[in-house]
Amino acid sequence: TRRWIEGACDALAVDATPALNDIDR
């Protein structure tokens, strides 16, 4: 899930931090 979010956010040029923090929690 983390890899998918990072890839999607990179492709869309948006900050993945909030979603990655949620995954970490």
PDB file of all heavy atoms in Angstrom:
ATOM      1  N   THR A   1       0.846  -1.201   0.000  1.00  0.00           N
ATOM      2  CA  THR A   1       0.000   0.000   0.000  1.00  0.00           C
ATOM      3  C   THR A   1       0.874   1.242   0.000  1.00  0.00           C
ATOM      4  O   THR A   1       0.617   2.197  -0.735  1.00  0.00           O
ATOM      5  CB  THR A   1      -0.937   0.007   1.229  1.00  0.00           C
ATOM      6  OG1 THR A   1      -1.772  -1.156   1.166  1.00  0.00           O
ATOM      7  CG2 THR A   1      -1.791   1.258   1.271  1.00  0.00           C
ATOM      8  N   ARG A   2       1.922   1.214   0.793  1.00  0.00           N
ATOM      9  CA  ARG A   2       2.857   2.348   0.846  1.00  0.00           C
ATOM     10  C   ARG A   2       3.477   2.599  -0.536  1.00  0.00           C
ATOM     11  O   ARG A   2       3.508   3.739  -1.014  1.00  0.00           O
ATOM     12  CB  ARG A   2       3.935   2.064   1.889  1.00  0.00           C
ATOM     13  CG  ARG A   2       4.883   3.201   2.096  1.00  0.00           C
ATOM     14  CD  ARG A   2       5.909   2.866   3.192  1.00  0.00           C
ATOM     15  NE  ARG A   2       6.601   4.055   3.557  1.00  0.00           N
ATOM     16  CZ  ARG A   2       6.165   4.976   4.403  1.00  0.00           C
ATOM     17  NH1 ARG A   2       5.016   4.812   5.018  1.00  0.00           N
ATOM     18  NH2 ARG A   2       6.860   6.064   4.655  1.00  0.00           N
ATOM     19  N   ARG A   3       3.925   1.534  -1.186  1.00  0.00           N
ATOM     20  CA  ARG A   3       4.528   1.684  -2.521  1.00  0.00           C
ATOM     21  C   ARG A   3       3.511   2.223  -3.531  1.00  0.00           C
ATOM     22  O   ARG A   3       3.840   3.056  -4.378  1.00  0.00           O
ATOM     23  CB  ARG A   3       5.126   0.365  -2.992  1.00  0.00           C
ATOM     24  CG  ARG A   3       6.445   0.034  -2.293  1.00  0.00           C
ATOM     25  CD  ARG A   3       7.151  -1.183  -2.873  1.00  0.00           C
ATOM     26  NE  ARG A   3       6.648  -2.450  -2.381  1.00  0.00           N
ATOM     27  CZ  ARG A   3       6.841  -2.925  -1.144  1.00  0.00           C
ATOM     28  NH1 ARG A   3       7.517  -2.216  -0.265  1.00  0.00           N
ATOM     29  NH2 ARG A   3       6.373  -4.090  -0.794  1.00  0.00           N
ATOM     30  N   TRP A   4       2.266   1.755  -3.450  1.00  0.00           N
ATOM     31  CA  TRP A   4       1.243   2.209  -4.379  1.00  0.00           C
ATOM     32  C   TRP A   4       0.962   3.695  -4.165  1.00  0.00           C
ATOM     33  O   TRP A   4       0.875   4.464  -5.122  1.00  0.00           O
ATOM     34  CB  TRP A   4      -0.039   1.385  -4.197  1.00  0.00           C
ATOM     35  CG  TRP A   4      -1.108   1.776  -5.160  1.00  0.00           C
ATOM     36  CD1 TRP A   4      -1.229   1.393  -6.464  1.00  0.00           C
ATOM     37  CD2 TRP A   4      -2.198   2.668  -4.893  1.00  0.00           C
ATOM     38  NE1 TRP A   4      -2.331   1.988  -7.022  1.00  0.00           N
ATOM     39  CE2 TRP A   4      -2.944   2.773  -6.083  1.00  0.00           C
ATOM     40  CE3 TRP A   4      -2.611   3.367  -3.768  1.00  0.00           C
ATOM     41  CZ2 TRP A   4      -4.086   3.561  -6.181  1.00  0.00           C
ATOM     42  CZ3 TRP A   4      -3.752   4.154  -3.861  1.00  0.00           C
ATOM     43  CH2 TRP A   4      -4.473   4.245  -5.064  1.00  0.00           C
ATOM     44  N   ILE A   5       0.819   4.111  -2.899  1.00  0.00           N
ATOM     45  CA  ILE A   5       0.558   5.525  -2.575  1.00  0.00           C
ATOM     46  C   ILE A   5       1.711   6.404  -3.064  1.00  0.00           C
ATOM     47  O   ILE A   5       1.494   7.451  -3.678  1.00  0.00           O
ATOM     48  CB  ILE A   5       0.336   5.723  -1.057  1.00  0.00           C
ATOM     49  CG1 ILE A   5      -0.966   5.071  -0.616  1.00  0.00           C
ATOM     50  CG2 ILE A   5       0.397   7.189  -0.655  1.00  0.00           C
ATOM     51  CD1 ILE A   5      -2.227   5.750  -1.109  1.00  0.00           C
ATOM     52  N   GLU A   6       2.935   5.975  -2.800  1.00  0.00           N
ATOM     53  CA  GLU A   6       4.100   6.760  -3.244  1.00  0.00           C
ATOM     54  C   GLU A   6       4.109   6.911  -4.758  1.00  0.00           C
ATOM     55  O   GLU A   6       4.340   8.007  -5.282  1.00  0.00           O
ATOM     56  CB  GLU A   6       5.395   6.104  -2.762  1.00  0.00           C
ATOM     57  CG  GLU A   6       5.612   6.235  -1.273  1.00  0.00           C
ATOM     58  CD  GLU A   6       6.761   5.388  -0.745  1.00  0.00           C
ATOM     59  OE1 GLU A   6       7.148   4.390  -1.394  1.00  0.00           O
ATOM     60  OE2 GLU A   6       7.267   5.726   0.345  1.00  0.00           O
ATOM     61  N   GLY A   7       3.845   5.829  -5.464  1.00  0.00           N
ATOM     62  CA  GLY A   7       3.819   5.885  -6.927  1.00  0.00           C
ATOM     63  C   GLY A   7       2.709   6.767  -7.453  1.00  0.00           C
ATOM     64  O   GLY A   7       2.922   7.574  -8.372  1.00  0.00           O
ATOM     65  N   ALA A   8       1.525   6.640  -6.880  1.00  0.00           N
ATOM     66  CA  ALA A   8       0.396   7.456  -7.326  1.00  0.00           C
ATOM     67  C   ALA A   8       0.650   8.927  -7.040  1.00  0.00           C
ATOM     68  O   ALA A   8       0.391   9.795  -7.882  1.00  0.00           O
ATOM     69  CB  ALA A   8      -0.895   6.991  -6.655  1.00  0.00           C
ATOM     70  N   CYS A   9       1.161   9.224  -5.848  1.00  0.00           N
ATOM     71  CA  CYS A   9       1.420  10.621  -5.489  1.00  0.00           C
ATOM     72  C   CYS A   9       2.545  11.215  -6.326  1.00  0.00           C
ATOM     73  O   CYS A   9       2.485  12.389  -6.701  1.00  0.00           O
ATOM     74  CB  CYS A   9       1.705  10.742  -3.993  1.00  0.00           C
ATOM     75  SG  CYS A   9       0.216  10.486  -2.990  1.00  0.00           S
ATOM     76  N   ASP A  10       3.572  10.427  -6.634  1.00  0.00           N
ATOM     77  CA  ASP A  10       4.640  10.899  -7.523  1.00  0.00           C
ATOM     78  C   ASP A  10       4.072  11.230  -8.898  1.00  0.00           C
ATOM     79  O   ASP A  10       4.381  12.275  -9.472  1.00  0.00           O
ATOM     80  CB  ASP A  10       5.746   9.849  -7.663  1.00  0.00           C
ATOM     81  CG  ASP A  10       6.662   9.797  -6.458  1.00  0.00           C
ATOM     82  OD1 ASP A  10       6.603  10.716  -5.606  1.00  0.00           O
ATOM     83  OD2 ASP A  10       7.439   8.817  -6.365  1.00  0.00           O
ATOM     84  N   ALA A  11       3.233  10.347  -9.421  1.00  0.00           N
ATOM     85  CA  ALA A  11       2.663  10.556 -10.757  1.00  0.00           C
ATOM     86  C   ALA A  11       1.765  11.789 -10.790  1.00  0.00           C
ATOM     87  O   ALA A  11       1.694  12.477 -11.812  1.00  0.00           O
ATOM     88  CB  ALA A  11       1.871   9.320 -11.183  1.00  0.00           C
ATOM     89  N   LEU A  12       1.093  12.059  -9.684  1.00  0.00           N
ATOM     90  CA  LEU A  12       0.184  13.207  -9.631  1.00  0.00           C
ATOM     91  C   LEU A  12       0.836  14.459  -9.063  1.00  0.00           C
ATOM     92  O   LEU A  12       0.195  15.508  -8.979  1.00  0.00           O
ATOM     93  CB  LEU A  12      -1.043  12.849  -8.787  1.00  0.00           C
ATOM     94  CG  LEU A  12      -1.900  11.704  -9.330  1.00  0.00           C
ATOM     95  CD1 LEU A  12      -2.937  11.281  -8.302  1.00  0.00           C
ATOM     96  CD2 LEU A  12      -2.553  12.114 -10.642  1.00  0.00           C
ATOM     97  N   ALA A  13       2.101  14.336  -8.649  1.00  0.00           N
ATOM     98  CA  ALA A  13       2.852  15.451  -8.067  1.00  0.00           C
ATOM     99  C   ALA A  13       2.135  16.044  -6.852  1.00  0.00           C
ATOM    100  O   ALA A  13       1.960  17.262  -6.726  1.00  0.00           O
ATOM    101  CB  ALA A  13       3.137  16.525  -9.120  1.00  0.00           C
ATOM    102  N   VAL A  14       1.694  15.149  -5.950  1.00  0.00           N
ATOM    103  CA  VAL A  14       1.063  15.603  -4.707  1.00  0.00           C
ATOM    104  C   VAL A  14       1.825  15.007  -3.527  1.00  0.00           C
ATOM    105  O   VAL A  14       2.544  14.018  -3.656  1.00  0.00           O
ATOM    106  CB  VAL A  14      -0.436  15.209  -4.623  1.00  0.00           C
ATOM    107  CG1 VAL A  14      -1.231  15.894  -5.718  1.00  0.00           C
ATOM    108  CG2 VAL A  14      -0.624  13.714  -4.693  1.00  0.00           C
ATOM    109  N   ASP A  15       1.647  15.616  -2.375  1.00  0.00           N
ATOM    110  CA  ASP A  15       2.339  15.191  -1.160  1.00  0.00           C
ATOM    111  C   ASP A  15       1.719  13.914  -0.600  1.00  0.00           C
ATOM    112  O   ASP A  15       0.521  13.871  -0.290  1.00  0.00           O
ATOM    113  CB  ASP A  15       2.262  16.315  -0.125  1.00  0.00           C
ATOM    114  CG  ASP A  15       3.001  16.001   1.156  1.00  0.00           C
ATOM    115  OD1 ASP A  15       3.835  15.063   1.165  1.00  0.00           O
ATOM    116  OD2 ASP A  15       2.747  16.696   2.159  1.00  0.00           O
ATOM    117  N   ALA A  16       2.514  12.890  -0.455  1.00  0.00           N
ATOM    118  CA  ALA A  16       2.044  11.603   0.053  1.00  0.00           C
ATOM    119  C   ALA A  16       2.083  11.521   1.570  1.00  0.00           C
ATOM    120  O   ALA A  16       1.590  10.547   2.145  1.00  0.00           O
ATOM    121  CB  ALA A  16       2.908  10.479  -0.540  1.00  0.00           C
ATOM    122  N   THR A  17       2.655  12.510   2.230  1.00  0.00           N
ATOM    123  CA  THR A  17       2.897  12.439   3.671  1.00  0.00           C
ATOM    124  C   THR A  17       1.660  12.083   4.501  1.00  0.00           C
ATOM    125  O   THR A  17       1.741  11.193   5.355  1.00  0.00           O
ATOM    126  CB  THR A  17       3.531  13.747   4.174  1.00  0.00           C
ATOM    127  OG1 THR A  17       4.733  13.985   3.425  1.00  0.00           O
ATOM    128  CG2 THR A  17       3.853  13.681   5.651  1.00  0.00           C
ATOM    129  N   PRO A  18       0.519  12.730   4.305  1.00  0.00           N
ATOM    130  CA  PRO A  18      -0.639  12.375   5.143  1.00  0.00           C
ATOM    131  C   PRO A  18      -1.043  10.900   4.997  1.00  0.00           C
ATOM    132  O   PRO A  18      -1.312  10.227   5.997  1.00  0.00           O
ATOM    133  CB  PRO A  18      -1.752  13.310   4.646  1.00  0.00           C
ATOM    134  CG  PRO A  18      -1.038  14.456   4.015  1.00  0.00           C
ATOM    135  CD  PRO A  18       0.216  13.869   3.428  1.00  0.00           C
ATOM    136  N   ALA A  19      -1.059  10.409   3.800  1.00  0.00           N
ATOM    137  CA  ALA A  19      -1.432   9.002   3.574  1.00  0.00           C
ATOM    138  C   ALA A  19      -0.378   8.070   4.143  1.00  0.00           C
ATOM    139  O   ALA A  19      -0.710   7.047   4.753  1.00  0.00           O
ATOM    140  CB  ALA A  19      -1.628   8.736   2.086  1.00  0.00           C
ATOM    141  N   LEU A  20       0.893   8.395   3.988  1.00  0.00           N
ATOM    142  CA  LEU A  20       1.968   7.556   4.517  1.00  0.00           C
ATOM    143  C   LEU A  20       1.948   7.544   6.041  1.00  0.00           C
ATOM    144  O   LEU A  20       2.209   6.507   6.664  1.00  0.00           O
ATOM    145  CB  LEU A  20       3.324   8.014   3.985  1.00  0.00           C
ATOM    146  CG  LEU A  20       3.496   7.921   2.466  1.00  0.00           C
ATOM    147  CD1 LEU A  20       4.865   8.452   2.048  1.00  0.00           C
ATOM    148  CD2 LEU A  20       3.292   6.505   1.970  1.00  0.00           C
ATOM    149  N   ASN A  21       1.621   8.690   6.649  1.00  0.00           N
ATOM    150  CA  ASN A  21       1.494   8.740   8.111  1.00  0.00           C
ATOM    151  C   ASN A  21       0.359   7.845   8.587  1.00  0.00           C
ATOM    152  O   ASN A  21       0.470   7.178   9.626  1.00  0.00           O
ATOM    153  CB  ASN A  21       1.276  10.178   8.589  1.00  0.00           C
ATOM    154  CG  ASN A  21       2.529  11.020   8.468  1.00  0.00           C
ATOM    155  OD1 ASN A  21       3.641  10.506   8.357  1.00  0.00           O
ATOM    156  ND2 ASN A  21       2.343  12.335   8.463  1.00  0.00           N
ATOM    157  N   ASP A  22      -0.737   7.822   7.836  1.00  0.00           N
ATOM    158  CA  ASP A  22      -1.863   6.959   8.180  1.00  0.00           C
ATOM    159  C   ASP A  22      -1.458   5.482   8.099  1.00  0.00           C
ATOM    160  O   ASP A  22      -1.792   4.687   8.986  1.00  0.00           O
ATOM    161  CB  ASP A  22      -3.050   7.241   7.252  1.00  0.00           C
ATOM    162  CG  ASP A  22      -4.278   6.468   7.656  1.00  0.00           C
ATOM    163  OD1 ASP A  22      -4.650   6.493   8.848  1.00  0.00           O
ATOM    164  OD2 ASP A  22      -4.877   5.815   6.772  1.00  0.00           O
ATOM    165  N   ILE A  23      -0.732   5.120   7.062  1.00  0.00           N
ATOM    166  CA  ILE A  23      -0.244   3.736   6.919  1.00  0.00           C
ATOM    167  C   ILE A  23       0.671   3.379   8.084  1.00  0.00           C
ATOM    168  O   ILE A  23       0.565   2.294   8.666  1.00  0.00           O
ATOM    169  CB  ILE A  23       0.474   3.545   5.568  1.00  0.00           C
ATOM    170  CG1 ILE A  23      -0.521   3.691   4.415  1.00  0.00           C
ATOM    171  CG2 ILE A  23       1.173   2.179   5.507  1.00  0.00           C
ATOM    172  CD1 ILE A  23       0.127   3.829   3.048  1.00  0.00           C
ATOM    173  N   ASP A  24       1.558   4.291   8.450  1.00  0.00           N
ATOM    174  CA  ASP A  24       2.472   4.045   9.576  1.00  0.00           C
ATOM    175  C   ASP A  24       1.712   3.851  10.889  1.00  0.00           C
ATOM    176  O   ASP A  24       2.059   2.984  11.688  1.00  0.00           O
ATOM    177  CB  ASP A  24       3.489   5.175   9.704  1.00  0.00           C
ATOM    178  CG  ASP A  24       4.500   5.192   8.564  1.00  0.00           C
ATOM    179  OD1 ASP A  24       4.647   4.152   7.877  1.00  0.00           O
ATOM    180  OD2 ASP A  24       5.129   6.241   8.353  1.00  0.00           O
ATOM    181  N   ARG A  25       0.663   4.655  11.110  1.00  0.00           N
ATOM    182  CA  ARG A  25      -0.157   4.500  12.320  1.00  0.00           C
ATOM    183  C   ARG A  25      -0.823   3.119  12.342  1.00  0.00           C
ATOM    184  O   ARG A  25      -0.835   2.442  13.377  1.00  0.00           O
ATOM    185  CB  ARG A  25      -1.221   5.592  12.400  1.00  0.00           C
ATOM    186  CG  ARG A  25      -0.739   6.885  13.006  1.00  0.00           C
ATOM    187  CD  ARG A  25      -1.898   7.835  13.303  1.00  0.00           C
ATOM    188  NE  ARG A  25      -2.659   8.219  12.119  1.00  0.00           N
ATOM    189  CZ  ARG A  25      -2.299   9.176  11.260  1.00  0.00           C
ATOM    190  NH1 ARG A  25      -1.188   9.858  11.461  1.00  0.00           N
ATOM    191  NH2 ARG A  25      -3.050   9.468  10.221  1.00  0.00           N
TER     192      ARG A  25
END
